[in-house]
Amino acid sequence: MKTLIMENKFLRVSSLVDKGSDIIEMIYKPMDIDFMWHSPLQYRNPKLFVESIARSDGSFLSYYGGGWQDILPSAGNRSTNRGAEWGLHGEVSLVPWNCVVEKDTAEEVIAHLSVECYQYPLAVDKWFIMRKNDRFFTIKERLTNRSEQDLEFSWLQHPAFGEPFIAPGCIVEIPAETLVVMGPPELPHSRLPAGQKFKWPYATSKKKEELNLSVLPSREVRSHDLAFLLDLQDGWYAIVNPNSKIGFGLSWDKNVFPYVWYWQVFRGAWDHPWFGRTWNIALEPCTSWPNTGLADQIRRGTAAKIKGNSMLETQITAVAFTGISHVERVTPEGEVET
């Protein structure tokens, strides 16, 4: 597949241009650690891979190799709106994007990626920006409504993190107040009671155990949960590995993405497609919640809306850091405050 690779002396970032612009690696080069999670399904080329059966929930899982996806215009389950229909996690992560390198100097590289939705008159432009001596890279995104109609949508950033970066004892820091568990129905083999609300980071399990969800559990835990972090005080999070002394930080505009989906897969996602093989988490800034798809998000009042013939612009910053055990804030400029 056509792949965009950008690197400086600290980072290497790779994006699958031919498949959704997925970021399939973000490597901190001094320690040779990749922050991204990689699925045992691997990365499948939509031009060559043939599904053995058309799934009723769409093609996302057939092509999901891990990494970081842009999810539009419906985040979550299969859904319909205004006559358009989407499977799991919309459409832009499944289709090829265009890519033009707009700047390539010794000091800075800027790549412009773009795509248009098939089912909706929305266009997405994004710019990956990396500078010579930075330990972060910036993504600037622009969503354009090419019609006169106001359109509802949900937009999810879907970065998943795996080993060797994450491990038992890793710490998740995020300025959220509330956690709401997915459901009902509950996920099979979940630790958390469906539909219950807790004050982040604490929760009570179905077995009445007191849990601190900001600390990743031991490998003896076999569970699979999805929850939603609400009432954000600011748009950032950090994941810190206290053993390897490395961390990942993300900063975004919480006016655009006011919620974070927290996916926790600790070798407890049995049956298709994971069969208990995966140990990973994802922390996913989103316009909307829960994971029920656009139509239900509209009903619940959490869907976003873009006016006809208008644009929405936003910025996301991803940063690598070392030697920090506690984070107070990750700034849009890529600074990690302690």
Protein backbone atom coordinates (compact mmCIF):
# COMPACT_ATOMS: atom_id res chain seq x y z
CA MET A 1 0.00 0.00 0.00
CA LYS A 2 1.06 3.58 -0.62
CA THR A 3 2.52 4.78 2.66
CA LEU A 4 3.56 8.20 3.90
CA ILE A 5 6.62 8.10 6.19
CA MET A 6 7.77 11.20 8.08
CA GLU A 7 10.67 11.26 10.50
CA ASN A 8 13.11 13.39 12.40
CA LYS A 9 15.77 12.37 14.92
CA PHE A 10 13.12 11.60 17.56
CA LEU A 11 10.04 10.28 15.74
CA ARG A 12 9.00 8.15 12.80
CA VAL A 13 5.33 8.35 11.81
CA SER A 14 3.85 6.17 9.05
CA SER A 15 0.41 6.58 7.50
CA LEU A 16 -1.38 4.23 5.08
CA VAL A 17 -2.50 6.60 2.34
CA ASP A 18 -4.25 3.78 0.46
CA LYS A 19 -6.27 2.75 3.52
CA GLY A 20 -7.95 5.51 5.47
CA SER A 21 -4.74 7.46 6.18
CA ASP A 22 -4.33 5.15 9.21
CA ILE A 23 -1.30 6.00 11.33
CA ILE A 24 0.25 2.55 11.70
CA GLU A 25 3.33 3.52 13.63
CA MET A 26 4.58 6.32 15.83
CA ILE A 27 8.03 5.26 16.95
CA TYR A 28 10.15 7.05 19.51
CA LYS A 29 13.49 6.44 17.80
CA PRO A 30 15.95 6.88 20.72
CA MET A 31 14.30 3.89 22.47
CA ASP A 32 12.90 2.16 19.36
CA ILE A 33 9.43 1.95 20.95
CA ASP A 34 6.26 2.07 18.86
CA PHE A 35 3.30 3.55 20.74
CA MET A 36 0.72 2.04 18.40
CA TRP A 37 -1.05 -1.29 18.87
CA HIS A 38 -0.89 -3.82 16.02
CA SER A 39 -3.73 -6.30 15.60
CA PRO A 40 -3.01 -9.97 14.87
CA LEU A 41 -5.20 -9.45 11.77
CA GLN A 42 -2.42 -7.27 10.31
CA TYR A 43 -2.89 -4.47 7.79
CA ARG A 44 -4.93 -5.57 4.79
CA ASN A 45 -4.86 -3.81 1.45
CA PRO A 46 -8.43 -2.93 0.37
CA LYS A 47 -7.30 -3.17 -3.26
CA LEU A 48 -6.21 -6.80 -2.88
CA PHE A 49 -7.95 -8.33 0.14
CA VAL A 50 -11.28 -10.01 -0.56
CA GLU A 51 -13.64 -10.54 2.36
CA SER A 52 -14.88 -14.11 2.57
CA ILE A 53 -18.33 -12.82 3.55
CA ALA A 54 -20.00 -9.41 3.67
CA ARG A 55 -20.41 -8.63 7.38
CA SER A 56 -23.77 -7.23 8.49
CA ASP A 57 -21.97 -4.52 10.48
CA GLY A 58 -19.76 -3.39 7.59
CA SER A 59 -16.11 -3.88 6.70
CA PHE A 60 -14.26 -2.01 9.46
CA LEU A 61 -13.23 -5.09 11.44
CA SER A 62 -12.13 -6.96 8.31
CA TYR A 63 -9.55 -4.24 7.60
CA TYR A 64 -8.69 -3.08 11.12
CA GLY A 65 -4.99 -3.68 11.69
CA GLY A 66 -4.60 -1.43 14.73
CA GLY A 67 -2.94 1.98 14.82
CA TRP A 68 -4.87 5.27 14.64
CA GLN A 69 -7.91 5.91 12.42
CA ASP A 70 -9.94 8.97 11.50
CA ILE A 71 -13.59 7.88 11.92
CA LEU A 72 -16.29 9.80 10.02
CA PRO A 73 -19.15 10.55 9.53
CA SER A 74 -20.62 8.00 11.98
CA ALA A 75 -18.69 6.76 15.00
CA GLY A 76 -19.75 3.45 16.47
CA ASN A 77 -22.26 0.86 15.39
CA ARG A 78 -23.99 0.48 12.03
CA SER A 79 -26.32 3.44 11.46
CA THR A 80 -28.33 5.47 8.97
CA ASN A 81 -29.16 9.16 8.59
CA ARG A 82 -30.82 11.20 5.84
CA GLY A 83 -30.92 8.14 3.59
CA ALA A 84 -27.19 7.41 3.97
CA GLU A 85 -26.07 4.16 5.56
CA TRP A 86 -22.80 3.21 7.25
CA GLY A 87 -21.35 0.14 8.86
CA LEU A 88 -19.26 0.14 12.03
CA HIS A 89 -17.18 3.34 12.28
CA GLY A 90 -18.35 5.11 9.13
CA GLU A 91 -16.42 5.20 5.89
CA VAL A 92 -13.31 7.40 5.65
CA SER A 93 -11.08 4.86 7.42
CA LEU A 94 -11.85 2.29 4.71
CA VAL A 95 -11.13 4.25 1.54
CA PRO A 96 -7.96 5.56 -0.16
CA TRP A 97 -6.91 9.14 0.48
CA ASN A 98 -4.97 11.57 -1.68
CA CYS A 99 -1.57 12.77 -0.47
CA VAL A 100 0.67 15.65 -1.57
CA VAL A 101 3.90 16.65 0.17
CA GLU A 102 3.57 20.42 0.35
CA LYS A 103 6.85 21.16 2.11
CA ASP A 104 10.00 19.07 2.42
CA THR A 105 12.98 20.91 3.88
CA ALA A 106 15.65 20.08 6.42
CA GLU A 107 13.66 22.01 9.03
CA GLU A 108 10.05 20.98 8.38
CA VAL A 109 7.90 18.54 6.44
CA ILE A 110 4.19 19.10 5.70
CA ALA A 111 2.03 16.47 3.98
CA HIS A 112 -1.53 17.22 2.87
CA LEU A 113 -3.99 14.31 2.86
CA SER A 114 -7.57 14.54 1.64
CA VAL A 115 -10.67 12.46 0.99
CA GLU A 116 -14.37 12.86 0.22
CA CYS A 117 -17.06 10.72 1.82
CA TYR A 118 -19.05 8.41 -0.44
CA GLN A 119 -22.38 8.52 1.42
CA TYR A 120 -22.35 12.14 2.60
CA PRO A 121 -21.22 15.41 0.95
CA LEU A 122 -18.35 15.88 3.44
CA ALA A 123 -14.70 16.37 2.54
CA VAL A 124 -11.77 15.95 4.93
CA ASP A 125 -8.39 17.63 4.58
CA LYS A 126 -5.59 17.06 7.03
CA TRP A 127 -2.00 18.17 7.27
CA PHE A 128 0.70 16.18 9.03
CA ILE A 129 3.38 18.59 10.25
CA MET A 130 6.76 17.52 11.63
CA ARG A 131 9.71 19.76 12.48
CA LYS A 132 13.36 18.83 12.77
CA ASN A 133 13.95 18.93 16.52
CA ASP A 134 10.47 18.28 17.91
CA ARG A 135 9.37 15.25 19.91
CA PHE A 136 5.81 15.84 18.68
CA PHE A 137 3.94 16.08 15.44
CA THR A 138 0.83 18.08 14.64
CA ILE A 139 -2.30 17.17 12.69
CA LYS A 140 -4.41 20.02 11.38
CA GLU A 141 -7.81 18.93 10.06
CA ARG A 142 -10.58 20.63 8.11
CA LEU A 143 -14.06 19.22 7.60
CA THR A 144 -16.04 20.79 4.72
CA ASN A 145 -19.76 20.44 4.03
CA ARG A 146 -20.10 20.66 0.24
CA SER A 147 -23.89 20.85 0.32
CA GLU A 148 -26.43 23.48 1.31
CA GLN A 149 -27.92 21.19 3.96
CA ASP A 150 -26.93 21.23 7.61
CA LEU A 151 -25.60 17.75 8.37
CA GLU A 152 -25.34 15.76 11.57
CA PHE A 153 -22.15 13.73 12.06
CA SER A 154 -19.95 12.07 14.62
CA TRP A 155 -16.16 12.21 14.42
CA LEU A 156 -13.82 9.94 16.34
CA GLN A 157 -10.03 9.87 16.63
CA HIS A 158 -9.21 6.18 17.14
CA PRO A 159 -5.61 5.69 18.39
CA ALA A 160 -4.94 2.29 20.00
CA PHE A 161 -1.88 1.58 22.14
CA GLY A 162 -0.14 -1.75 22.63
CA GLU A 163 2.90 -3.57 23.86
CA PRO A 164 5.77 -3.00 24.43
CA PHE A 165 4.75 0.59 25.20
CA ILE A 166 1.87 -0.26 27.51
CA ALA A 167 2.19 -2.81 30.31
CA PRO A 168 0.59 -3.56 33.69
CA GLY A 169 1.03 -0.55 35.94
CA CYS A 170 0.92 2.03 33.15
CA ILE A 171 -0.86 5.21 34.19
CA VAL A 172 -3.56 7.07 32.26
CA GLU A 173 -3.86 10.76 33.16
CA ILE A 174 -6.81 12.75 31.80
CA PRO A 175 -8.72 15.70 33.30
CA ALA A 176 -12.14 14.00 33.20
CA GLU A 177 -14.76 14.03 35.94
CA THR A 178 -17.12 11.23 34.93
CA LEU A 179 -16.94 7.72 33.51
CA VAL A 180 -19.99 5.98 32.06
CA VAL A 181 -19.82 2.29 31.14
CA MET A 182 -21.14 1.17 27.76
CA GLY A 183 -24.52 -0.50 27.61
CA PRO A 184 -26.75 -2.19 28.34
CA PRO A 185 -26.20 -4.69 26.86
CA GLU A 186 -22.80 -5.31 28.41
CA LEU A 187 -19.75 -6.60 26.61
CA PRO A 188 -19.04 -10.29 27.24
CA HIS A 189 -16.28 -10.76 29.86
CA SER A 190 -16.48 -7.14 31.02
CA ARG A 191 -15.31 -6.08 34.47
CA LEU A 192 -17.61 -3.08 34.64
CA PRO A 193 -21.40 -3.01 35.12
CA ALA A 194 -23.21 -1.85 31.99
CA GLY A 195 -24.63 1.66 31.98
CA GLN A 196 -23.26 2.64 35.38
CA LYS A 197 -21.76 6.06 36.12
CA PHE A 198 -18.68 6.62 38.26
CA LYS A 199 -16.37 9.46 39.29
CA TRP A 200 -13.18 9.02 37.28
CA PRO A 201 -10.82 7.24 37.83
CA TYR A 202 -12.59 4.96 40.28
CA ALA A 203 -15.27 2.35 39.61
CA THR A 204 -16.86 -0.65 41.26
CA SER A 205 -16.67 -3.88 39.28
CA LYS A 206 -19.47 -6.39 38.76
CA LYS A 207 -17.74 -8.43 41.48
CA LYS A 208 -17.92 -5.42 43.86
CA GLU A 209 -14.17 -4.80 43.62
CA GLU A 210 -12.96 -1.21 43.88
CA LEU A 211 -10.99 -0.40 40.73
CA ASN A 212 -8.67 2.45 39.77
CA LEU A 213 -9.12 2.59 36.00
CA SER A 214 -6.22 5.01 35.56
CA VAL A 215 -3.79 2.15 36.30
CA LEU A 216 -3.61 -0.76 33.85
CA PRO A 217 -4.25 -4.10 35.59
CA SER A 218 -2.09 -7.20 35.96
CA ARG A 219 -2.03 -9.84 33.24
CA GLU A 220 -4.11 -12.08 35.46
CA VAL A 221 -7.11 -9.92 34.57
CA ARG A 222 -8.93 -11.19 31.45
CA SER A 223 -11.54 -8.59 30.53
CA HIS A 224 -13.00 -6.43 27.75
CA ASP A 225 -14.66 -3.07 28.47
CA LEU A 226 -15.71 0.14 26.76
CA ALA A 227 -16.47 3.27 28.75
CA PHE A 228 -16.90 6.97 28.05
CA LEU A 229 -15.05 9.79 29.79
CA LEU A 230 -17.21 12.89 30.17
CA ASP A 231 -17.03 16.36 31.73
CA LEU A 232 -13.50 17.04 30.48
CA GLN A 233 -11.83 20.05 32.05
CA ASP A 234 -9.38 20.28 29.14
CA GLY A 235 -8.56 18.41 25.93
CA TRP A 236 -5.52 16.26 26.67
CA TYR A 237 -4.35 12.96 28.06
CA ALA A 238 -1.08 11.23 28.84
CA ILE A 239 -0.13 7.55 29.13
CA VAL A 240 2.96 6.93 31.26
CA ASN A 241 4.94 3.70 31.51
CA PRO A 242 6.71 4.04 34.89
CA ASN A 243 9.05 1.11 34.21
CA SER A 244 10.44 2.12 30.83
CA LYS A 245 10.14 5.85 31.72
CA ILE A 246 8.42 6.72 28.44
CA GLY A 247 5.08 8.38 27.78
CA PHE A 248 2.66 9.44 25.06
CA GLY A 249 0.61 12.62 25.19
CA LEU A 250 -2.27 13.88 23.07
CA SER A 251 -3.75 17.37 22.96
CA TRP A 252 -6.92 18.45 21.13
CA ASP A 253 -9.69 21.05 21.13
CA LYS A 254 -12.32 19.81 23.56
CA ASN A 255 -14.89 22.12 21.95
CA VAL A 256 -14.66 19.83 18.90
CA PHE A 257 -14.04 16.54 20.74
CA PRO A 258 -15.68 16.88 24.18
CA TYR A 259 -15.70 13.14 25.02
CA VAL A 260 -13.17 10.31 25.14
CA TRP A 261 -14.00 6.66 24.52
CA TYR A 262 -11.87 4.32 26.66
CA TRP A 263 -11.49 0.84 25.16
CA GLN A 264 -9.79 -1.73 27.39
CA VAL A 265 -8.90 -5.15 25.97
CA PHE A 266 -6.96 -7.27 28.44
CA ARG A 267 -6.96 -10.64 26.65
CA GLY A 268 -10.68 -10.88 27.42
CA ALA A 269 -12.16 -10.16 23.99
CA TRP A 270 -13.08 -13.73 23.09
CA ASP A 271 -14.41 -15.03 19.77
CA HIS A 272 -14.26 -13.14 16.48
CA PRO A 273 -12.14 -11.17 15.72
CA TRP A 274 -9.70 -11.21 18.65
CA PHE A 275 -10.18 -14.68 20.22
CA GLY A 276 -8.55 -13.58 23.47
CA ARG A 277 -5.23 -12.71 21.79
CA THR A 278 -4.95 -8.97 22.38
CA TRP A 279 -3.76 -6.75 25.24
CA ASN A 280 -4.32 -3.12 24.34
CA ILE A 281 -6.16 0.06 25.13
CA ALA A 282 -7.51 2.96 23.08
CA LEU A 283 -8.27 6.49 24.24
CA GLU A 284 -10.39 8.08 21.55
CA PRO A 285 -11.45 11.77 21.50
CA CYS A 286 -14.91 12.06 19.95
CA THR A 287 -17.61 14.58 19.15
CA SER A 288 -20.29 12.22 20.42
CA TRP A 289 -21.18 9.27 22.62
CA PRO A 290 -22.11 6.45 23.17
CA ASN A 291 -20.90 3.94 20.53
CA THR A 292 -24.39 3.33 19.13
CA GLY A 293 -23.89 5.14 15.81
CA LEU A 294 -25.02 8.46 14.41
CA ALA A 295 -28.80 7.96 14.47
CA ASP A 296 -28.84 7.16 18.18
CA GLN A 297 -26.34 9.92 18.95
CA ILE A 298 -28.74 12.36 17.24
CA ARG A 299 -31.58 11.01 19.39
CA ARG A 300 -29.50 11.44 22.55
CA GLY A 301 -28.41 14.96 21.60
CA THR A 302 -24.66 14.25 21.37
CA ALA A 303 -24.22 14.31 17.58
CA ALA A 304 -22.29 17.22 16.07
CA LYS A 305 -23.69 19.35 13.24
CA ILE A 306 -22.04 21.29 10.45
CA LYS A 307 -23.93 24.00 8.58
CA GLY A 308 -24.34 23.89 4.82
CA ASN A 309 -21.41 25.21 2.76
CA SER A 310 -19.26 25.64 5.86
CA MET A 311 -16.02 24.34 7.34
CA LEU A 312 -14.82 23.11 10.72
CA GLU A 313 -11.11 23.28 11.55
CA THR A 314 -9.24 21.68 14.44
CA GLN A 315 -5.76 20.65 15.56
CA ILE A 316 -4.36 17.59 17.32
CA THR A 317 -0.86 17.23 18.74
CA ALA A 318 0.80 13.91 19.61
CA VAL A 319 3.97 13.98 21.70
CA ALA A 320 6.53 11.50 23.03
CA PHE A 321 8.25 12.20 26.35
CA THR A 322 10.65 10.48 28.75
CA GLY A 323 11.66 10.72 32.39
CA ILE A 324 8.29 12.10 33.55
CA SER A 325 6.17 10.22 36.10
CA HIS A 326 3.25 12.65 36.45
CA VAL A 327 1.72 15.00 33.88
CA GLU A 328 -0.27 18.12 34.68
CA ARG A 329 -1.10 19.06 31.09
CA VAL A 330 -0.21 18.44 27.45
CA THR A 331 -0.41 21.67 25.49
CA PRO A 332 -1.38 22.22 21.82
CA GLU A 333 2.24 23.33 21.29
CA GLY A 334 3.52 19.88 22.31
CA GLU A 335 4.75 20.82 25.77
CA VAL A 336 4.34 18.33 28.61
CA GLU A 337 3.76 20.24 31.84
CA THR A 338 4.61 18.59 35.17
